[in-house]
Amino acid sequence: MVLPRAARTQRRTRIQEEKEELILEAALDVFATHGFRGSTIDQIADVAGMSKPNLLYYFRTKEAMHRALIDRVLDSWLDPLREFDAEGNPVSEIRSYIRRKLEMARDFPRESRLFANEILQGAPHIEDELKGPLKTLVDEKAEVIRAWAKAGKIAKCDPYHLIFAIWSTTQHYADFDVQVRGVLGEGRSGEGRFEDAARFLEQLFVTGLSADGSAS
């Protein structure tokens, strides 16, 4: 994990911690809107309401701010997958995972777009994490899904593509929020759209994975 410069040079005070959070909030806004390449330190300083030299005391480079945010996103984004319980009921586990991912799309749209922008640019800052810790976690959960299928608890499926499908369908509601709201129209574009999406995706995945061809 990349630490702010202040954290590496001395014990941080409460004010320093607050400044770091202010900077990262501003950086998240800028990176989520413009992507890494389209963002500048001047833009981030402007959004944070502080001078560029003051900002650079805490984070020396744009890369340091971006990496600190990406590390946070990766850690929190994977929490629902980590909680995928091999001993749990498969239908309940899949439903819970879908709902957790949709809640994150609803509550953290900037973080989702930050991650999406990084991936669209070829993951230059996190390729090692994708091929290392992320792959290890997905491999582990793929084995859980395979075990469920082998035990006849769910239909046979490719566990990797199941996980990819859940990622793509849930994160769509963060990354393409403007499109979703525009197409649904005023009557259906409120907060209830996430509950509507959850019910539909539960039906889609649970029915498709049902060992006997019907939802349980």
Protein backbone atom coordinates (compact mmCIF):
# COMPACT_ATOMS: atom_id res chain seq x y z
CA MET A 1 0.00 0.00 0.00
CA VAL A 2 1.25 3.50 -0.86
CA LEU A 3 1.43 5.78 2.17
CA PRO A 4 1.16 9.58 2.06
CA ARG A 5 4.47 11.38 2.38
CA ALA A 6 3.52 12.72 5.84
CA ALA A 7 2.86 9.18 7.05
CA ARG A 8 6.33 8.06 5.93
CA THR A 9 8.23 10.95 7.50
CA GLN A 10 6.59 11.30 10.91
CA ARG A 11 3.66 10.32 13.05
CA ARG A 12 0.57 11.91 11.57
CA THR A 13 -1.50 14.38 13.53
CA ARG A 14 -5.30 14.52 13.33
CA ILE A 15 -5.03 17.59 11.08
CA GLN A 16 -2.64 15.79 8.73
CA GLU A 17 -4.99 12.81 8.51
CA GLU A 18 -7.89 15.14 7.73
CA LYS A 19 -5.84 16.88 5.02
CA GLU A 20 -4.91 13.54 3.46
CA GLU A 21 -8.56 12.49 3.38
CA LEU A 22 -9.53 15.85 1.86
CA ILE A 23 -6.92 15.41 -0.86
CA LEU A 24 -7.97 11.83 -1.62
CA GLU A 25 -11.63 12.84 -1.81
CA ALA A 26 -10.72 15.54 -4.30
CA ALA A 27 -8.49 13.16 -6.24
CA LEU A 28 -11.29 10.62 -6.41
CA ASP A 29 -13.61 13.20 -7.92
CA VAL A 30 -11.03 14.23 -10.51
CA PHE A 31 -9.81 10.73 -11.43
CA ALA A 32 -13.36 9.35 -11.65
CA THR A 33 -14.32 12.17 -14.02
CA HIS A 34 -11.20 12.53 -16.16
CA GLY A 35 -9.30 9.27 -15.74
CA PHE A 36 -5.67 9.11 -14.65
CA ARG A 37 -4.18 10.49 -17.86
CA GLY A 38 -6.66 13.34 -18.10
CA SER A 39 -6.19 14.48 -14.51
CA THR A 40 -3.64 16.95 -13.18
CA ILE A 41 -2.31 17.85 -9.75
CA ASP A 42 -3.55 21.40 -10.32
CA GLN A 43 -7.10 20.12 -10.83
CA ILE A 44 -6.93 18.05 -7.65
CA ALA A 45 -5.52 20.96 -5.64
CA ASP A 46 -8.28 23.20 -6.95
CA VAL A 47 -11.03 20.74 -5.97
CA ALA A 48 -9.39 20.24 -2.56
CA GLY A 49 -9.26 24.01 -2.05
CA MET A 50 -5.56 24.08 -1.26
CA SER A 51 -2.35 25.23 -2.88
CA LYS A 52 -0.34 22.89 -5.07
CA PRO A 53 2.76 23.08 -2.80
CA ASN A 54 0.61 22.23 0.22
CA LEU A 55 -0.89 19.24 -1.57
CA LEU A 56 2.54 18.03 -2.65
CA TYR A 57 3.66 17.95 0.98
CA TYR A 58 1.22 15.08 1.51
CA PHE A 59 1.44 13.35 -1.88
CA ARG A 60 4.48 14.03 -4.01
CA THR A 61 2.97 12.78 -7.26
CA LYS A 62 -0.29 12.18 -9.04
CA GLU A 63 0.66 8.51 -9.13
CA ALA A 64 0.85 8.36 -5.32
CA MET A 65 -2.69 9.70 -4.93
CA HIS A 66 -4.04 7.41 -7.60
CA ARG A 67 -2.35 4.35 -6.12
CA ALA A 68 -3.62 5.12 -2.62
CA LEU A 69 -7.16 5.27 -3.98
CA ILE A 70 -6.81 2.14 -6.12
CA ASP A 71 -5.47 0.19 -3.13
CA ARG A 72 -8.52 1.21 -1.11
CA VAL A 73 -10.92 0.31 -3.91
CA LEU A 74 -9.38 -3.10 -4.50
CA ASP A 75 -9.51 -3.94 -0.82
CA SER A 76 -13.14 -2.89 -0.28
CA TRP A 77 -14.34 -4.11 -3.68
CA LEU A 78 -13.22 -7.64 -2.94
CA ASP A 79 -14.75 -7.88 0.53
CA PRO A 80 -18.04 -9.40 -0.75
CA LEU A 81 -16.12 -12.06 -2.69
CA ARG A 82 -13.97 -12.87 0.34
CA GLU A 83 -17.19 -13.49 2.29
CA PHE A 84 -18.40 -16.06 -0.24
CA ASP A 85 -18.85 -19.01 2.16
CA ALA A 86 -18.19 -22.54 0.95
CA GLU A 87 -20.32 -23.89 3.81
CA GLY A 88 -23.26 -21.64 3.04
CA ASN A 89 -26.32 -22.30 0.92
CA PRO A 90 -25.30 -21.59 -2.71
CA VAL A 91 -28.50 -19.72 -3.57
CA SER A 92 -28.22 -17.55 -0.46
CA GLU A 93 -24.54 -16.90 -1.07
CA ILE A 94 -25.09 -15.88 -4.70
CA ARG A 95 -28.05 -13.66 -3.82
CA SER A 96 -26.06 -12.00 -1.05
CA TYR A 97 -23.09 -11.44 -3.37
CA ILE A 98 -25.29 -9.83 -6.03
CA ARG A 99 -26.89 -7.52 -3.48
CA ARG A 100 -23.58 -6.53 -1.91
CA LYS A 101 -22.15 -5.69 -5.34
CA LEU A 102 -25.21 -3.62 -6.23
CA GLU A 103 -25.03 -1.79 -2.91
CA MET A 104 -21.44 -0.90 -3.69
CA ALA A 105 -22.44 0.29 -7.18
CA ARG A 106 -25.10 2.48 -5.56
CA ASP A 107 -22.96 3.82 -2.71
CA PHE A 108 -19.54 4.08 -4.38
CA PRO A 109 -20.03 5.04 -8.04
CA ARG A 110 -16.88 7.19 -8.16
CA GLU A 111 -14.75 4.30 -6.92
CA SER A 112 -16.27 2.02 -9.53
CA ARG A 113 -15.49 4.49 -12.32
CA LEU A 114 -11.96 4.96 -10.98
CA PHE A 115 -11.37 1.21 -11.23
CA ALA A 116 -13.07 0.97 -14.64
CA ASN A 117 -10.86 3.76 -16.01
CA GLU A 118 -7.77 1.96 -14.76
CA ILE A 119 -8.83 -1.27 -16.47
CA LEU A 120 -9.76 0.49 -19.72
CA GLN A 121 -6.26 1.99 -19.84
CA GLY A 122 -4.69 -1.47 -19.58
CA ALA A 123 -4.30 -1.61 -15.77
CA PRO A 124 -0.83 0.01 -15.84
CA HIS A 125 -0.79 0.55 -12.06
CA ILE A 126 -2.39 -2.68 -10.82
CA GLU A 127 -1.44 -5.43 -13.27
CA ASP A 128 0.53 -7.24 -10.57
CA GLU A 129 -2.46 -7.20 -8.23
CA LEU A 130 -4.77 -8.54 -10.93
CA LYS A 131 -2.43 -11.43 -11.74
CA GLY A 132 -1.51 -12.01 -8.08
CA PRO A 133 -3.88 -11.46 -5.11
CA LEU A 134 -7.02 -11.01 -7.22
CA LYS A 135 -6.38 -14.14 -9.28
CA THR A 136 -5.65 -16.12 -6.12
CA LEU A 137 -8.94 -15.04 -4.54
CA VAL A 138 -10.97 -15.75 -7.68
CA ASP A 139 -9.28 -19.17 -8.07
CA GLU A 140 -10.27 -19.98 -4.48
CA LYS A 141 -13.91 -18.97 -4.98
CA ALA A 142 -14.06 -20.74 -8.34
CA GLU A 143 -13.27 -23.95 -6.49
CA VAL A 144 -16.16 -23.25 -4.11
CA ILE A 145 -18.54 -22.91 -7.06
CA ARG A 146 -17.17 -26.07 -8.68
CA ALA A 147 -17.72 -27.94 -5.41
CA TRP A 148 -21.34 -26.78 -5.26
CA ALA A 149 -21.89 -27.98 -8.82
CA LYS A 150 -20.17 -31.31 -8.16
CA ALA A 151 -22.42 -31.84 -5.14
CA GLY A 152 -25.49 -31.18 -7.28
CA LYS A 153 -26.39 -27.99 -5.41
CA ILE A 154 -26.22 -25.84 -8.55
CA ALA A 155 -26.02 -26.49 -12.26
CA LYS A 156 -22.59 -27.00 -13.81
CA CYS A 157 -21.11 -23.76 -15.06
CA ASP A 158 -17.79 -22.05 -15.70
CA PRO A 159 -17.15 -20.40 -12.31
CA TYR A 160 -14.88 -17.71 -13.70
CA HIS A 161 -17.42 -16.51 -16.22
CA LEU A 162 -20.11 -16.60 -13.53
CA ILE A 163 -18.03 -14.25 -11.38
CA PHE A 164 -17.25 -12.04 -14.40
CA ALA A 165 -20.96 -11.89 -15.26
CA ILE A 166 -21.91 -10.81 -11.75
CA TRP A 167 -19.17 -8.18 -11.77
CA SER A 168 -20.24 -6.75 -15.12
CA THR A 169 -24.00 -6.73 -14.51
CA THR A 170 -23.77 -5.13 -11.07
CA GLN A 171 -21.05 -2.57 -11.81
CA HIS A 172 -23.01 -1.50 -14.90
CA TYR A 173 -25.30 0.41 -12.55
CA ALA A 174 -22.37 2.55 -11.38
CA ASP A 175 -20.30 2.92 -14.55
CA PHE A 176 -23.30 3.51 -16.85
CA ASP A 177 -25.58 5.21 -14.34
CA VAL A 178 -26.43 8.11 -16.67
CA GLN A 179 -27.52 5.67 -19.37
CA VAL A 180 -29.55 3.57 -16.93
CA ARG A 181 -31.42 6.59 -15.57
CA GLY A 182 -31.94 8.05 -19.03
CA VAL A 183 -33.44 4.87 -20.46
CA LEU A 184 -35.59 4.08 -17.42
CA GLY A 185 -37.05 7.58 -17.42
CA GLU A 186 -38.16 9.76 -14.53
CA GLY A 187 -40.71 7.32 -13.20
CA ARG A 188 -38.22 4.48 -12.64
CA SER A 189 -34.84 6.18 -12.25
CA GLY A 190 -34.97 6.79 -8.51
CA GLU A 191 -33.23 4.76 -5.79
CA GLY A 192 -35.73 1.96 -6.39
CA ARG A 193 -33.88 1.06 -9.58
CA PHE A 194 -31.27 -0.76 -7.51
CA GLU A 195 -33.88 -2.94 -5.81
CA ASP A 196 -35.47 -3.64 -9.21
CA ALA A 197 -32.02 -4.60 -10.54
CA ALA A 198 -31.35 -6.84 -7.53
CA ARG A 199 -34.60 -8.76 -7.98
CA PHE A 200 -33.99 -9.22 -11.70
CA LEU A 201 -30.36 -10.31 -11.34
CA GLU A 202 -31.23 -12.70 -8.52
CA GLN A 203 -33.86 -14.29 -10.75
CA LEU A 204 -31.49 -14.40 -13.72
CA PHE A 205 -28.58 -16.03 -11.93
CA VAL A 206 -30.45 -18.20 -9.45
CA THR A 207 -32.76 -19.63 -12.12
CA GLY A 208 -29.84 -20.20 -14.47
CA LEU A 209 -27.84 -21.98 -11.77
CA SER A 210 -30.67 -24.05 -10.34
CA ALA A 211 -29.76 -27.73 -10.42
CA ASP A 212 -33.31 -28.67 -11.41
CA GLY A 213 -33.85 -25.75 -13.78
CA SER A 214 -36.07 -23.72 -11.46
CA ALA A 215 -35.39 -21.02 -8.87
CA SER A 216 -35.37 -22.01 -5.23
